[in-house]
């Protein structure tokens, strides 16, 4: 998977995990939702590890760094280069 594909999939999984988290706050005994939550969290963790192995740190907290300090090497989250663009989607010009 490319860098942008990984970020897009990871963003979707993280959103899904948050959505399930909120649902589970009000439905703590829903086994199916809990199983989905655990699956999504594991998938997101694996993708995050793959991304960091191939492209560098996603977060400065909780992620080991190679020498020298890697966080400074990548674009920071607020820099345009960090954010993926929606290829061929002219309707989302404001998102770029």
C-alpha atoms as a PDB file:
ATOM      1  CA  UNK A   1       0.000   0.000   0.000  1.00  0.00           C
ATOM      2  CA  UNK A   2       1.179   3.521  -0.738  1.00  0.00           C
ATOM      3  CA  UNK A   3       1.630   6.155   1.971  1.00  0.00           C
ATOM      4  CA  UNK A   4      -1.643   7.865   1.032  1.00  0.00           C
ATOM      5  CA  UNK A   5      -3.560   4.580   0.917  1.00  0.00           C
ATOM      6  CA  UNK A   6      -2.267   3.650   4.373  1.00  0.00           C
ATOM      7  CA  UNK A   7      -3.216   7.056   5.800  1.00  0.00           C
ATOM      8  CA  UNK A   8      -6.675   6.924   4.256  1.00  0.00           C
ATOM      9  CA  UNK A   9      -7.361   3.402   5.532  1.00  0.00           C
ATOM     10  CA  UNK A  10      -5.929   4.234   8.960  1.00  0.00           C
ATOM     11  CA  UNK A  11      -8.098   7.358   9.170  1.00  0.00           C
ATOM     12  CA  UNK A  12     -11.188   5.296   8.345  1.00  0.00           C
ATOM     13  CA  UNK A  13     -10.329   2.619  10.918  1.00  0.00           C
ATOM     14  CA  UNK A  14      -9.624   5.212  13.617  1.00  0.00           C
ATOM     15  CA  UNK A  15     -12.962   6.901  12.885  1.00  0.00           C
ATOM     16  CA  UNK A  16     -14.743   3.537  13.053  1.00  0.00           C
ATOM     17  CA  UNK A  17     -13.028   2.731  16.361  1.00  0.00           C
ATOM     18  CA  UNK A  18     -14.144   6.061  17.856  1.00  0.00           C
ATOM     19  CA  UNK A  19     -17.693   5.483  16.623  1.00  0.00           C
ATOM     20  CA  UNK A  20     -17.771   1.989  18.153  1.00  0.00           C
ATOM     21  CA  UNK A  21     -16.202   3.345  21.363  1.00  0.00           C
ATOM     22  CA  UNK A  22     -19.026   5.863  21.736  1.00  0.00           C
ATOM     23  CA  UNK A  23     -21.647   3.188  21.023  1.00  0.00           C
ATOM     24  CA  UNK A  24     -20.095   0.833  23.575  1.00  0.00           C
ATOM     25  CA  UNK A  25     -20.285   3.571  26.217  1.00  0.00           C
ATOM     26  CA  UNK A  26     -24.074   3.207  26.082  1.00  0.00           C
ATOM     27  CA  UNK A  27     -24.248  -0.488  25.096  1.00  0.00           C
ATOM     28  CA  UNK A  28     -21.445  -2.150  27.092  1.00  0.00           C
ATOM     29  CA  UNK A  29     -22.966  -5.648  26.827  1.00  0.00           C
ATOM     30  CA  UNK A  30     -23.164  -5.722  23.012  1.00  0.00           C
ATOM     31  CA  UNK A  31     -20.784  -8.604  22.261  1.00  0.00           C
ATOM     32  CA  UNK A  32     -20.884  -8.112  18.497  1.00  0.00           C
ATOM     33  CA  UNK A  33     -19.981  -4.421  18.756  1.00  0.00           C
ATOM     34  CA  UNK A  34     -17.186  -5.210  21.191  1.00  0.00           C
ATOM     35  CA  UNK A  35     -15.798  -7.872  18.832  1.00  0.00           C
ATOM     36  CA  UNK A  36     -15.907  -5.372  15.950  1.00  0.00           C
ATOM     37  CA  UNK A  37     -14.200  -2.737  18.107  1.00  0.00           C
ATOM     38  CA  UNK A  38     -11.396  -5.122  19.066  1.00  0.00           C
ATOM     39  CA  UNK A  39     -10.922  -6.168  15.420  1.00  0.00           C
ATOM     40  CA  UNK A  40     -10.809  -2.557  14.205  1.00  0.00           C
ATOM     41  CA  UNK A  41      -8.325  -1.564  16.932  1.00  0.00           C
ATOM     42  CA  UNK A  42      -6.041  -4.486  16.019  1.00  0.00           C
ATOM     43  CA  UNK A  43      -6.242  -3.655  12.296  1.00  0.00           C
ATOM     44  CA  UNK A  44      -5.475   0.015  12.967  1.00  0.00           C
ATOM     45  CA  UNK A  45      -2.518  -0.955  15.167  1.00  0.00           C
ATOM     46  CA  UNK A  46      -1.102  -3.178  12.414  1.00  0.00           C
ATOM     47  CA  UNK A  47      -1.533  -0.450   9.782  1.00  0.00           C
ATOM     48  CA  UNK A  48       0.027   2.150  12.096  1.00  0.00           C
ATOM     49  CA  UNK A  49       3.023  -0.139  12.605  1.00  0.00           C
ATOM     50  CA  UNK A  50       3.304  -0.727   8.848  1.00  0.00           C
ATOM     51  CA  UNK A  51       3.120   2.999   8.155  1.00  0.00           C
ATOM     52  CA  UNK A  52       5.763   3.834  10.760  1.00  0.00           C
ATOM     53  CA  UNK A  53       8.041   1.058   9.529  1.00  0.00           C
ATOM     54  CA  UNK A  54       7.869   2.386   5.957  1.00  0.00           C
ATOM     55  CA  UNK A  55       7.273   6.129   6.277  1.00  0.00           C
ATOM     56  CA  UNK A  56       8.213   7.277   9.774  1.00  0.00           C
ATOM     57  CA  UNK A  57       6.484   8.264  12.977  1.00  0.00           C
ATOM     58  CA  UNK A  58       2.797   9.241  13.028  1.00  0.00           C
ATOM     59  CA  UNK A  59       2.986  10.607  16.557  1.00  0.00           C
ATOM     60  CA  UNK A  60       5.792  11.832  18.768  1.00  0.00           C
ATOM     61  CA  UNK A  61       4.254  10.133  21.810  1.00  0.00           C
ATOM     62  CA  UNK A  62       4.275   6.403  22.368  1.00  0.00           C
ATOM     63  CA  UNK A  63       6.316   5.540  19.280  1.00  0.00           C
ATOM     64  CA  UNK A  64       9.937   4.415  19.484  1.00  0.00           C
ATOM     65  CA  UNK A  65      12.322   6.306  17.236  1.00  0.00           C
ATOM     66  CA  UNK A  66      15.373   5.206  15.299  1.00  0.00           C
ATOM     67  CA  UNK A  67      18.538   7.273  15.628  1.00  0.00           C
ATOM     68  CA  UNK A  68      18.570  10.160  14.946  1.00  0.00           C
ATOM     69  CA  UNK A  69      15.222  11.420  16.287  1.00  0.00           C
ATOM     70  CA  UNK A  70      12.751  10.620  13.490  1.00  0.00           C
ATOM     71  CA  UNK A  71       9.793  12.875  14.298  1.00  0.00           C
ATOM     72  CA  UNK A  72      11.535  15.933  12.854  1.00  0.00           C
ATOM     73  CA  UNK A  73      12.250  14.126   9.559  1.00  0.00           C
ATOM     74  CA  UNK A  74       8.665  13.888   8.284  1.00  0.00           C
ATOM     75  CA  UNK A  75       6.234  16.660   7.474  1.00  0.00           C
ATOM     76  CA  UNK A  76       4.337  17.639  10.598  1.00  0.00           C
ATOM     77  CA  UNK A  77       0.557  17.081  10.733  1.00  0.00           C
ATOM     78  CA  UNK A  78      -0.229  20.730   9.986  1.00  0.00           C
ATOM     79  CA  UNK A  79       2.012  20.814   6.882  1.00  0.00           C
ATOM     80  CA  UNK A  80       0.378  20.233   3.500  1.00  0.00           C
ATOM     81  CA  UNK A  81       2.810  17.422   2.624  1.00  0.00           C
ATOM     82  CA  UNK A  82       1.561  15.376   5.584  1.00  0.00           C
ATOM     83  CA  UNK A  83      -2.038  15.281   4.380  1.00  0.00           C
ATOM     84  CA  UNK A  84      -3.103  13.055   1.543  1.00  0.00           C
ATOM     85  CA  UNK A  85      -5.040  14.460  -1.363  1.00  0.00           C
ATOM     86  CA  UNK A  86      -8.140  12.865  -2.786  1.00  0.00           C
ATOM     87  CA  UNK A  87      -6.861  11.920  -6.237  1.00  0.00           C
ATOM     88  CA  UNK A  88      -9.135  13.014  -9.070  1.00  0.00           C
ATOM     89  CA  UNK A  89     -11.811  14.422  -6.769  1.00  0.00           C
ATOM     90  CA  UNK A  90     -12.252  18.042  -7.851  1.00  0.00           C
ATOM     91  CA  UNK A  91     -15.274  18.465  -5.551  1.00  0.00           C
ATOM     92  CA  UNK A  92     -12.956  18.407  -2.522  1.00  0.00           C
ATOM     93  CA  UNK A  93     -10.682  21.284  -3.522  1.00  0.00           C
ATOM     94  CA  UNK A  94     -11.293  22.932  -0.141  1.00  0.00           C
ATOM     95  CA  UNK A  95      -9.901  19.863   1.629  1.00  0.00           C
ATOM     96  CA  UNK A  96      -6.469  20.177   0.036  1.00  0.00           C
END
